[in-house]
Structures are given as structure tokens and as C-alpha cells.
Amino acid sequence: MVAAVETTADGKPVRLKLHRVAGFASRTLSSFAKRHFAPASEVVSDGLACFSAVTKAKCKHTVIKTGSGAAAARTPAFKWVNTALGNIKAAIIGTYQAIEPKHVPRCLAEFEYRFNRRYDRAAMLPRLTWACSRTLPMPYRLLKLPEVFA
């Protein structure tokens, strides 16, 4: 899974992007960056080699090597990613006993949707109604199919 948090200049989280990937390969991360990041975005990563592929999407890449352990989790640059991942874990554990791998993309999408709209809760239901009214009917057999790796 790849998690990205867009922050303001003063470090406050704006939006979250969660995406299940088949593996951490340069090709996969380059494709992810091209689809989800604006050119000239600054991407900060922990130094995993595949993250350098974001430069193919014309993003600036900064590496911060953290090591491991509790001190690494407190690195200021990764504060909101770690907070979001912790909140996702708590939400999943608090809601479900277990999640099958085929359901992971939908659970992540739900969390991402709520996170990205957290400041405008009043608009959530009208937005859901709008989306439902414009979505074509889908048979149950297709609705329950698992998501595939992107």
C-alpha cells in the first residue's frame, strides 16, 4: 500500500491518497505519481529505492532516511502519514474482526473519502446522493467482485 498526504505550507494535512499496489517497483510508483500528483509536487520518502521513480512524473523527490523503531515513527516529515495509517488501523480493528485482501481497496477508499471531506461533513450526504443518482445500476454479482491490483 502507498499512502500520501498533501500538506499545507505550515504542515497541516489537506488530502490523503491511499492505494494498494501489487509491489514496490519503480514502474508502479511512477504510474501512481503520474496519476495522483501534480507536476512539481514535492515528494518526501523514507529512501526506499522505488520512490525515486516519482521524478518521472516531474515531481521533486526528497529522501529522509529514518532507520527503524519508535524514533523513526516520530520523524516530523512523516507525522501525518503515520497518523493516518494509525487511524486506519484503529478504524479497521474497531469495526471489523478481519478483512479479506479482496476488501482492502474498498476499506481504504472509504477511509480516504471520509478523511478528504472531514471539514465539510454537511456536504457528504448530498454528495453521496448526487453520485448515486448518476451511477448506472450494477448487478449484485458485479458489485461483490473483489477489486484488482491497480
Protein backbone atom coordinates (compact mmCIF):
# COMPACT_ATOMS: atom_id res chain seq x y z
CA MET A 1 0.00 0.00 0.00
CA VAL A 2 1.13 3.53 -0.79
CA ALA A 3 -0.05 6.37 1.42
CA ALA A 4 0.43 10.02 0.50
CA VAL A 5 -0.65 13.07 2.48
CA GLU A 6 -0.82 16.51 0.93
CA THR A 7 0.06 19.20 3.47
CA THR A 8 -0.15 22.98 3.58
CA ALA A 9 2.96 25.16 3.83
CA ASP A 10 2.63 25.11 7.63
CA GLY A 11 2.38 21.31 7.73
CA LYS A 12 -1.38 20.75 8.16
CA PRO A 13 -2.92 17.80 6.30
CA VAL A 14 -5.20 18.63 3.38
CA ARG A 15 -5.83 15.41 1.47
CA LEU A 16 -4.95 11.75 1.73
CA LYS A 17 -4.38 9.23 -1.06
CA LEU A 18 -4.32 5.52 -0.26
CA HIS A 19 -3.61 3.00 -2.98
CA ARG A 20 -2.98 -0.73 -2.93
CA VAL A 21 -0.12 -1.69 -5.22
CA ALA A 22 0.99 -5.08 -6.45
CA GLY A 23 4.56 -4.38 -5.34
CA PHE A 24 7.08 -1.67 -4.71
CA ALA A 25 8.58 -1.40 -8.17
CA SER A 26 9.70 1.80 -9.89
CA ARG A 27 7.19 1.30 -12.69
CA THR A 28 4.31 1.02 -10.20
CA LEU A 29 5.31 4.11 -8.23
CA SER A 30 5.94 6.13 -11.38
CA SER A 31 2.45 5.26 -12.64
CA PHE A 32 0.95 6.15 -9.23
CA ALA A 33 2.74 9.52 -9.19
CA LYS A 34 1.68 10.39 -12.75
CA ARG A 35 -1.97 9.69 -11.92
CA HIS A 36 -2.18 11.31 -8.50
CA PHE A 37 0.50 14.01 -8.11
CA ALA A 38 0.70 17.36 -9.83
CA PRO A 39 3.97 18.03 -11.67
CA ALA A 40 6.42 19.93 -9.46
CA SER A 41 4.96 18.37 -6.29
CA GLU A 42 7.49 17.74 -3.56
CA VAL A 43 7.51 14.09 -2.54
CA VAL A 44 9.23 13.15 0.71
CA SER A 45 10.01 9.47 1.19
CA ASP A 46 11.94 7.23 3.54
CA GLY A 47 14.54 6.30 0.94
CA LEU A 48 13.06 3.10 -0.48
CA ALA A 49 14.66 2.90 -3.94
CA CYS A 50 11.37 2.66 -5.88
CA PHE A 51 10.25 6.10 -4.65
CA SER A 52 12.88 7.78 -6.82
CA ALA A 53 10.58 6.92 -9.76
CA VAL A 54 8.33 9.86 -8.82
CA THR A 55 10.82 12.06 -10.66
CA LYS A 56 9.49 10.52 -13.90
CA ALA A 57 6.23 12.30 -13.07
CA LYS A 58 8.20 15.56 -12.82
CA CYS A 59 7.96 15.61 -9.03
CA LYS A 60 10.75 16.77 -6.75
CA HIS A 61 11.95 13.90 -4.55
CA THR A 62 13.47 14.38 -1.10
CA VAL A 63 14.79 11.40 0.87
CA ILE A 64 14.79 11.32 4.66
CA LYS A 65 16.38 8.15 5.99
CA THR A 66 14.75 7.29 9.28
CA GLY A 67 16.02 3.88 10.25
CA SER A 68 13.54 1.89 12.27
CA GLY A 69 11.81 1.84 15.63
CA ALA A 70 9.75 4.34 17.58
CA ALA A 71 12.11 7.26 16.92
CA ALA A 72 11.71 6.78 13.17
CA ALA A 73 7.93 6.96 13.51
CA ARG A 74 8.25 10.38 15.16
CA THR A 75 10.08 11.96 12.20
CA PRO A 76 8.26 15.29 11.63
CA ALA A 77 8.12 14.88 7.83
CA PHE A 78 6.11 11.67 8.21
CA LYS A 79 3.86 12.81 11.06
CA TRP A 80 0.60 12.90 9.08
CA VAL A 81 1.26 9.72 7.09
CA ASN A 82 1.95 7.84 10.32
CA THR A 83 -1.09 9.42 11.99
CA ALA A 84 -3.35 8.47 9.07
CA LEU A 85 -2.04 4.90 8.99
CA GLY A 86 -2.54 4.58 12.74
CA ASN A 87 -6.10 5.90 12.41
CA ILE A 88 -6.82 3.49 9.57
CA LYS A 89 -5.55 0.57 11.63
CA ALA A 90 -7.65 1.62 14.64
CA ALA A 91 -10.75 2.09 12.47
CA ILE A 92 -10.35 -1.33 10.87
CA ILE A 93 -9.69 -3.11 14.16
CA GLY A 94 -12.58 -1.26 15.83
CA THR A 95 -15.03 -2.05 13.05
CA TYR A 96 -14.10 -5.45 11.68
CA GLN A 97 -12.76 -8.68 13.13
CA ALA A 98 -10.85 -9.36 9.94
CA ILE A 99 -10.64 -8.02 6.41
CA GLU A 100 -10.06 -10.23 3.43
CA PRO A 101 -7.48 -8.92 0.96
CA LYS A 102 -10.16 -8.51 -1.70
CA HIS A 103 -11.92 -5.93 0.50
CA VAL A 104 -8.85 -3.83 1.31
CA PRO A 105 -9.24 -1.35 -1.61
CA ARG A 106 -12.81 -0.53 -0.64
CA CYS A 107 -11.93 -0.08 3.04
CA LEU A 108 -9.06 2.22 2.09
CA ALA A 109 -11.31 4.15 -0.30
CA GLU A 110 -13.89 4.64 2.45
CA PHE A 111 -11.30 5.99 4.88
CA GLU A 112 -9.78 8.21 2.20
CA TYR A 113 -13.21 9.60 1.26
CA ARG A 114 -14.08 10.49 4.86
CA PHE A 115 -10.63 11.98 5.54
CA ASN A 116 -10.70 14.18 2.44
CA ARG A 117 -14.15 15.51 3.29
CA ARG A 118 -13.75 15.83 7.05
CA TYR A 119 -14.15 19.63 7.10
CA ASP A 120 -17.37 19.61 5.10
CA ARG A 121 -19.46 16.91 6.74
CA ALA A 122 -22.72 18.63 5.85
CA ALA A 123 -21.95 18.12 2.15
CA MET A 124 -21.27 14.37 2.48
CA LEU A 125 -24.86 13.15 2.16
CA PRO A 126 -25.81 15.49 -0.71
CA ARG A 127 -22.60 14.46 -2.49
CA LEU A 128 -23.41 10.78 -1.94
CA THR A 129 -26.94 11.34 -3.25
CA TRP A 130 -25.51 13.12 -6.31
CA ALA A 131 -23.11 10.25 -7.00
CA CYS A 132 -25.81 7.60 -6.51
CA SER A 133 -28.22 9.34 -8.84
CA ARG A 134 -25.63 9.45 -11.63
CA THR A 135 -24.24 5.94 -11.22
CA LEU A 136 -25.59 3.28 -13.53
CA PRO A 137 -27.26 0.25 -11.92
CA MET A 138 -24.92 -2.63 -11.22
CA PRO A 139 -25.93 -6.25 -10.73
CA TYR A 140 -25.09 -7.72 -7.34
CA ARG A 141 -22.78 -10.32 -8.89
CA LEU A 142 -20.59 -7.48 -10.24
CA LEU A 143 -20.88 -5.37 -7.11
CA LYS A 144 -19.46 -8.11 -4.90
CA LEU A 145 -16.45 -8.86 -7.13
CA PRO A 146 -13.14 -8.12 -5.43
CA GLU A 147 -11.02 -5.20 -6.53
CA VAL A 148 -7.92 -5.96 -8.56
CA PHE A 149 -4.46 -4.59 -8.05
CA ALA A 150 -4.01 -1.26 -9.79
